[in-house]
Protein backbone atom coordinates (compact mmCIF):
# COMPACT_ATOMS: atom_id res chain seq x y z
CA MET A 1 -41.11 -56.28 -20.51
CA PHE A 2 -38.84 -55.55 -17.61
CA ILE A 3 -37.00 -51.86 -17.37
CA ASP A 4 -33.97 -52.22 -14.84
CA LEU A 5 -33.67 -49.18 -12.86
CA THR A 6 -30.84 -50.36 -10.85
CA PHE A 7 -28.05 -47.69 -9.90
CA THR A 8 -24.54 -48.88 -9.54
CA THR A 9 -21.96 -47.15 -7.25
CA ARG A 10 -20.05 -45.81 -10.36
CA ALA A 11 -22.87 -44.29 -12.03
CA LYS A 12 -24.15 -42.52 -8.85
CA ALA A 13 -20.69 -41.16 -8.10
CA ALA A 14 -20.50 -39.89 -11.73
CA LEU A 15 -23.72 -38.20 -11.86
CA ALA A 16 -23.10 -36.53 -8.45
CA GLY A 17 -19.66 -35.35 -9.64
CA SER A 18 -21.40 -33.75 -12.69
CA ALA A 19 -23.86 -31.76 -10.69
CA ALA A 20 -21.34 -30.64 -8.38
CA LEU A 21 -19.09 -29.36 -11.08
CA ALA A 22 -22.06 -27.33 -12.59
CA LEU A 23 -21.82 -25.17 -9.38
CA PHE A 24 -18.71 -23.21 -10.11
CA ALA A 25 -17.22 -21.41 -12.99
CA ILE A 26 -13.88 -19.41 -13.64
CA ALA A 27 -14.43 -15.83 -14.45
CA GLY A 28 -11.65 -13.61 -15.43
CA SER A 29 -10.69 -10.96 -18.17
CA ALA A 30 -7.19 -9.25 -18.45
CA SER A 31 -5.66 -6.59 -20.65
CA ALA A 32 -2.37 -5.24 -20.90
CA ALA A 33 -2.37 -1.83 -19.38
CA THR A 34 -0.82 1.13 -17.56
CA LEU A 35 -1.64 0.50 -14.08
CA VAL A 36 -0.08 3.36 -12.24
CA GLN A 37 1.73 6.63 -13.22
CA TYR A 38 3.57 9.50 -11.30
CA ASP A 39 3.70 12.68 -12.97
CA PHE A 40 6.73 14.78 -11.71
CA THR A 41 6.07 17.77 -14.04
CA GLY A 42 6.64 20.90 -12.09
CA ASN A 43 8.24 19.27 -9.12
CA VAL A 44 10.83 21.11 -7.35
CA GLY A 45 12.50 17.41 -6.24
CA ASN A 46 12.26 17.44 -2.66
CA GLU A 47 8.85 16.81 -2.21
CA ALA A 48 8.01 14.36 0.63
CA VAL A 49 5.91 12.17 -1.36
CA GLU A 50 4.61 11.88 -4.85
CA PRO A 51 0.76 10.63 -5.13
CA ALA A 52 -0.18 8.98 -8.31
CA SER A 53 -1.36 11.15 -11.13
CA PHE A 54 -3.27 7.84 -12.59
CA THR A 55 -4.45 4.48 -11.37
CA ALA A 56 -6.24 1.95 -13.46
CA ASP A 57 -9.59 0.58 -12.26
CA ASN A 58 -9.45 -1.81 -9.28
CA ILE A 59 -5.80 -0.25 -8.32
CA ASP A 60 -4.90 1.82 -5.50
CA ALA A 61 -1.52 3.43 -5.85
CA VAL A 62 1.25 3.60 -3.06
CA ASP A 63 2.81 7.17 -2.99
CA PHE A 64 6.29 7.45 -4.40
CA SER A 65 8.61 8.21 -1.49
CA ARG A 66 11.95 8.01 0.06
CA GLY A 67 13.28 5.68 2.77
CA SER A 68 14.46 7.24 5.95
CA GLY A 69 18.14 7.06 5.35
CA LEU A 70 17.82 9.50 2.30
CA ASN A 71 17.98 13.37 2.42
CA PRO A 72 15.52 15.20 -0.15
CA THR A 73 17.21 17.39 -2.65
CA THR A 74 16.06 20.15 -5.18
CA ASN A 75 16.09 18.93 -8.75
CA GLY A 76 13.46 20.40 -11.19
CA GLY A 77 10.73 18.08 -12.63
CA ALA A 78 11.95 15.22 -10.49
CA PHE A 79 11.84 13.14 -7.37
CA SER A 80 15.32 13.60 -5.88
CA ALA A 81 17.70 12.71 -2.89
CA ASN A 82 21.21 12.24 -1.81
CA ASN A 83 23.08 10.33 0.83
CA PHE A 84 22.78 6.97 -0.91
CA GLY A 85 24.49 4.01 0.71
CA VAL A 86 24.95 0.49 -0.50
CA TYR A 87 21.59 -1.19 0.34
CA ALA A 88 22.82 -4.31 1.96
CA SER A 89 24.26 -2.41 4.53
CA ASN A 90 22.01 0.71 4.45
CA PRO A 91 18.20 -0.71 4.28
CA ASP A 92 16.78 2.46 4.65
CA ASP A 93 18.35 4.01 1.48
CA TYR A 94 15.60 3.66 -1.28
CA PHE A 95 12.92 5.06 -3.30
CA THR A 96 9.71 3.30 -3.12
CA PHE A 97 6.51 3.10 -4.86
CA GLY A 98 3.81 0.42 -6.13
CA LEU A 99 0.15 -0.46 -5.72
CA SER A 100 -2.58 -2.38 -3.94
CA THR A 101 -5.56 -4.27 -5.74
CA ALA A 102 -9.22 -3.92 -5.06
CA ALA A 103 -10.86 -7.21 -3.23
CA GLY A 104 -11.51 -9.76 -5.90
CA TYR A 105 -8.59 -8.76 -8.19
CA THR A 106 -5.03 -9.52 -9.09
CA ALA A 107 -2.40 -7.60 -10.70
CA THR A 108 0.36 -8.49 -12.59
CA VAL A 109 3.36 -6.05 -13.27
CA GLU A 110 6.21 -6.68 -15.74
CA GLN A 111 7.47 -3.37 -16.74
CA LEU A 112 8.74 0.00 -15.41
CA VAL A 113 8.93 2.89 -17.80
CA PHE A 114 10.96 6.06 -16.35
CA SER A 115 14.10 8.55 -17.00
CA ALA A 116 16.67 8.83 -14.34
CA ARG A 117 19.83 10.77 -13.56
CA SER A 118 22.77 10.55 -11.07
CA SER A 119 25.06 13.52 -10.46
CA ASN A 120 28.84 12.64 -11.12
CA THR A 121 29.34 11.39 -7.51
CA GLY A 122 25.87 9.97 -7.29
CA PRO A 123 25.36 6.18 -7.65
CA ARG A 124 26.23 4.37 -10.86
CA ASP A 125 24.95 0.70 -10.22
CA LEU A 126 21.17 0.42 -9.16
CA ALA A 127 18.55 -2.30 -8.89
CA VAL A 128 14.67 -2.65 -8.65
CA LEU A 129 13.55 -4.79 -5.94
CA ALA A 130 10.00 -6.16 -5.38
CA SER A 131 7.51 -7.38 -2.45
CA VAL A 132 4.66 -9.31 -3.57
CA ASP A 133 1.83 -9.47 -0.97
CA GLY A 134 4.09 -8.35 1.66
CA ALA A 135 6.92 -10.84 1.29
CA ASP A 136 10.60 -10.11 1.52
CA PHE A 137 12.18 -8.05 -1.31
CA GLN A 138 13.81 -9.51 -3.99
CA GLN A 139 16.02 -8.25 -6.91
CA ILE A 140 14.14 -8.25 -10.14
CA ALA A 141 16.00 -5.95 -12.46
CA THR A 142 19.17 -3.62 -12.47
CA PHE A 143 20.56 -0.51 -14.48
CA THR A 144 23.59 1.78 -14.32
CA GLN A 145 23.49 5.72 -14.55
CA THR A 146 26.82 7.00 -15.92
CA ASN A 147 28.30 10.58 -16.34
CA ALA A 148 25.41 12.45 -14.89
CA ASN A 149 23.38 12.02 -18.13
CA VAL A 150 19.54 11.61 -18.21
CA ALA A 151 18.80 7.93 -19.24
CA SER A 152 15.30 6.90 -20.40
CA ARG A 153 14.56 3.16 -19.06
CA VAL A 154 12.17 0.74 -20.15
CA LEU A 155 12.73 -2.14 -17.58
CA ASP A 156 11.10 -5.36 -18.57
CA PHE A 157 11.12 -8.25 -15.98
CA THR A 158 9.51 -11.45 -15.33
CA PRO A 159 5.85 -10.86 -14.51
CA LEU A 160 4.85 -10.48 -10.87
CA THR A 161 1.41 -11.36 -9.78
CA GLY A 162 0.03 -10.13 -6.51
CA VAL A 163 -3.62 -10.62 -4.89
CA SER A 164 -3.12 -7.77 -2.43
CA SER A 165 -0.15 -5.67 -3.29
CA LEU A 166 2.97 -5.13 -5.46
CA VAL A 167 5.68 -2.95 -3.94
CA PHE A 168 9.01 -1.64 -5.47
CA ARG A 169 12.38 -0.25 -4.15
CA ILE A 170 15.24 1.40 -6.19
CA VAL A 171 18.42 1.01 -4.44
CA THR A 172 22.02 1.31 -4.93
CA THR A 173 24.38 -1.70 -5.03
CA SER A 174 27.69 -0.44 -5.20
CA ASN A 175 30.00 2.14 -3.96
CA VAL A 176 31.03 3.33 -7.41
CA ALA A 177 29.98 6.75 -8.52
CA ALA A 178 28.47 7.71 -12.02
CA ASN A 179 31.92 9.14 -12.85
CA GLY A 180 33.70 6.00 -12.03
CA GLY A 181 35.01 7.35 -8.76
CA THR A 182 33.71 6.54 -5.26
CA LEU A 183 30.08 7.31 -4.49
CA ALA A 184 29.62 10.30 -2.12
CA ASN A 185 26.92 11.13 0.39
CA THR A 186 26.55 14.29 -1.38
CA GLY A 187 26.07 12.60 -4.66
CA THR A 188 22.17 12.80 -5.98
CA PHE A 189 20.03 10.31 -7.78
CA ARG A 190 16.69 11.52 -9.16
CA VAL A 191 13.82 9.88 -11.24
CA GLN A 192 11.74 11.92 -13.33
CA ASN A 193 9.01 11.31 -16.52
CA TYR A 194 10.13 9.06 -19.32
CA THR A 195 11.64 11.30 -21.98
CA GLY A 196 11.59 8.81 -24.56
CA ALA A 197 9.22 8.56 -27.46
CA PRO A 198 6.20 9.16 -26.63
CA ALA A 199 6.91 10.88 -23.32
CA SER A 200 5.05 9.89 -20.45
CA PRO A 201 4.86 9.97 -16.85
CA PHE A 202 6.68 7.35 -14.65
CA SER A 203 4.52 4.02 -15.42
CA ILE A 204 4.08 0.96 -13.81
CA ASN A 205 2.89 -1.36 -16.37
CA GLY A 206 0.82 -4.70 -16.60
CA ASP A 207 -2.41 -6.53 -16.28
CA VAL A 208 -5.27 -6.14 -13.75
CA SER A 209 -7.63 -9.42 -13.84
CA LEU A 210 -10.74 -10.47 -12.08
CA ALA A 211 -9.99 -13.25 -9.60
CA ALA A 212 -11.47 -16.73 -9.78
CA THR A 213 -15.00 -16.44 -8.20
CA PRO A 214 -18.04 -18.94 -8.04
CA ALA A 215 -20.73 -18.30 -10.89
CA VAL A 216 -24.22 -17.95 -10.19
CA PRO A 217 -25.95 -20.79 -12.18
CA GLU A 218 -28.82 -20.04 -14.61
CA PRO A 219 -32.48 -21.20 -13.73
CA ALA A 220 -32.27 -24.06 -16.17
CA THR A 221 -28.83 -25.09 -14.70
CA TRP A 222 -30.44 -25.05 -11.14
CA ALA A 223 -33.46 -27.30 -12.41
CA MET A 224 -31.06 -29.77 -14.03
CA MET A 225 -29.14 -29.95 -10.95
CA ILE A 226 -32.08 -30.44 -8.42
CA THR A 227 -33.18 -33.07 -10.88
CA GLY A 228 -29.83 -34.86 -10.69
CA PHE A 229 -29.60 -34.45 -7.12
CA GLY A 230 -32.96 -36.22 -6.66
CA LEU A 231 -32.35 -38.89 -8.88
CA VAL A 232 -28.97 -39.56 -6.90
CA GLY A 233 -30.84 -39.23 -3.74
CA GLY A 234 -33.79 -41.55 -4.66
CA ALA A 235 -31.47 -44.24 -6.03
CA MET A 236 -29.18 -44.32 -2.57
CA ARG A 237 -32.49 -44.95 -0.75
CA ARG A 238 -33.39 -47.83 -3.05
CA ARG A 239 -30.06 -49.68 -3.39
CA SER A 240 -30.14 -52.25 -5.74
CA ALA A 241 -33.89 -52.17 -5.88
CA ARG A 242 -35.69 -53.50 -9.08
CA ILE A 243 -38.99 -52.00 -10.44
CA ALA A 244 -40.69 -53.89 -13.09
CA TYR A 245 -43.69 -53.11 -15.21
CA SER A 246 -45.64 -55.64 -17.03
CA VAL A 247 -47.37 -54.80 -20.31
């Protein structure tokens, strides 16, 4: 009786590929969450920055702050400014905030929850811009403020995923004031805690996920891979060899 142990090129390639695939696995978990919150309770309104009051695990927050073109103003329980101009020609007129991720994680943001108010001569037409991983800012959402009313906002937008950072800006997009007149440099705009139900601090909502990483094989997997590599190596040394045993 003869046992044919010839290894074809196709068989060797298949075995080598199977062993290599066993080296890696994708690990990850994600759950919808509040990633960052800013609590403006007790603010005078003209604070230079507002640190985050909450950050999810594996997330660091960017302080809530103003661009250099704005002037801080007092408005209780808020973060406030005036001297807003149209962002296209006044690129230093903005509120900014955001987050960065810990090494090995990614963050996806899809919602901002907050309340806001413009004075009668403050900005009516506003937009949210986003920079993902340091890229240029792009518009992701718009909203309007009218008649000096507080408006509660739940802004949903196409999810944005960053491997290092997600930074946002709130900017003005027209010279129209909240009362329908012309935007004035003394007109104010402010953000504050969400006043809807249930009330909450200003929130950045989305997911934080473990990035794809190599998995450590189990001992049994190591043994199987070593055996497979040994078979492949031996077969390559004995190309097309036949070993016959007589009975």
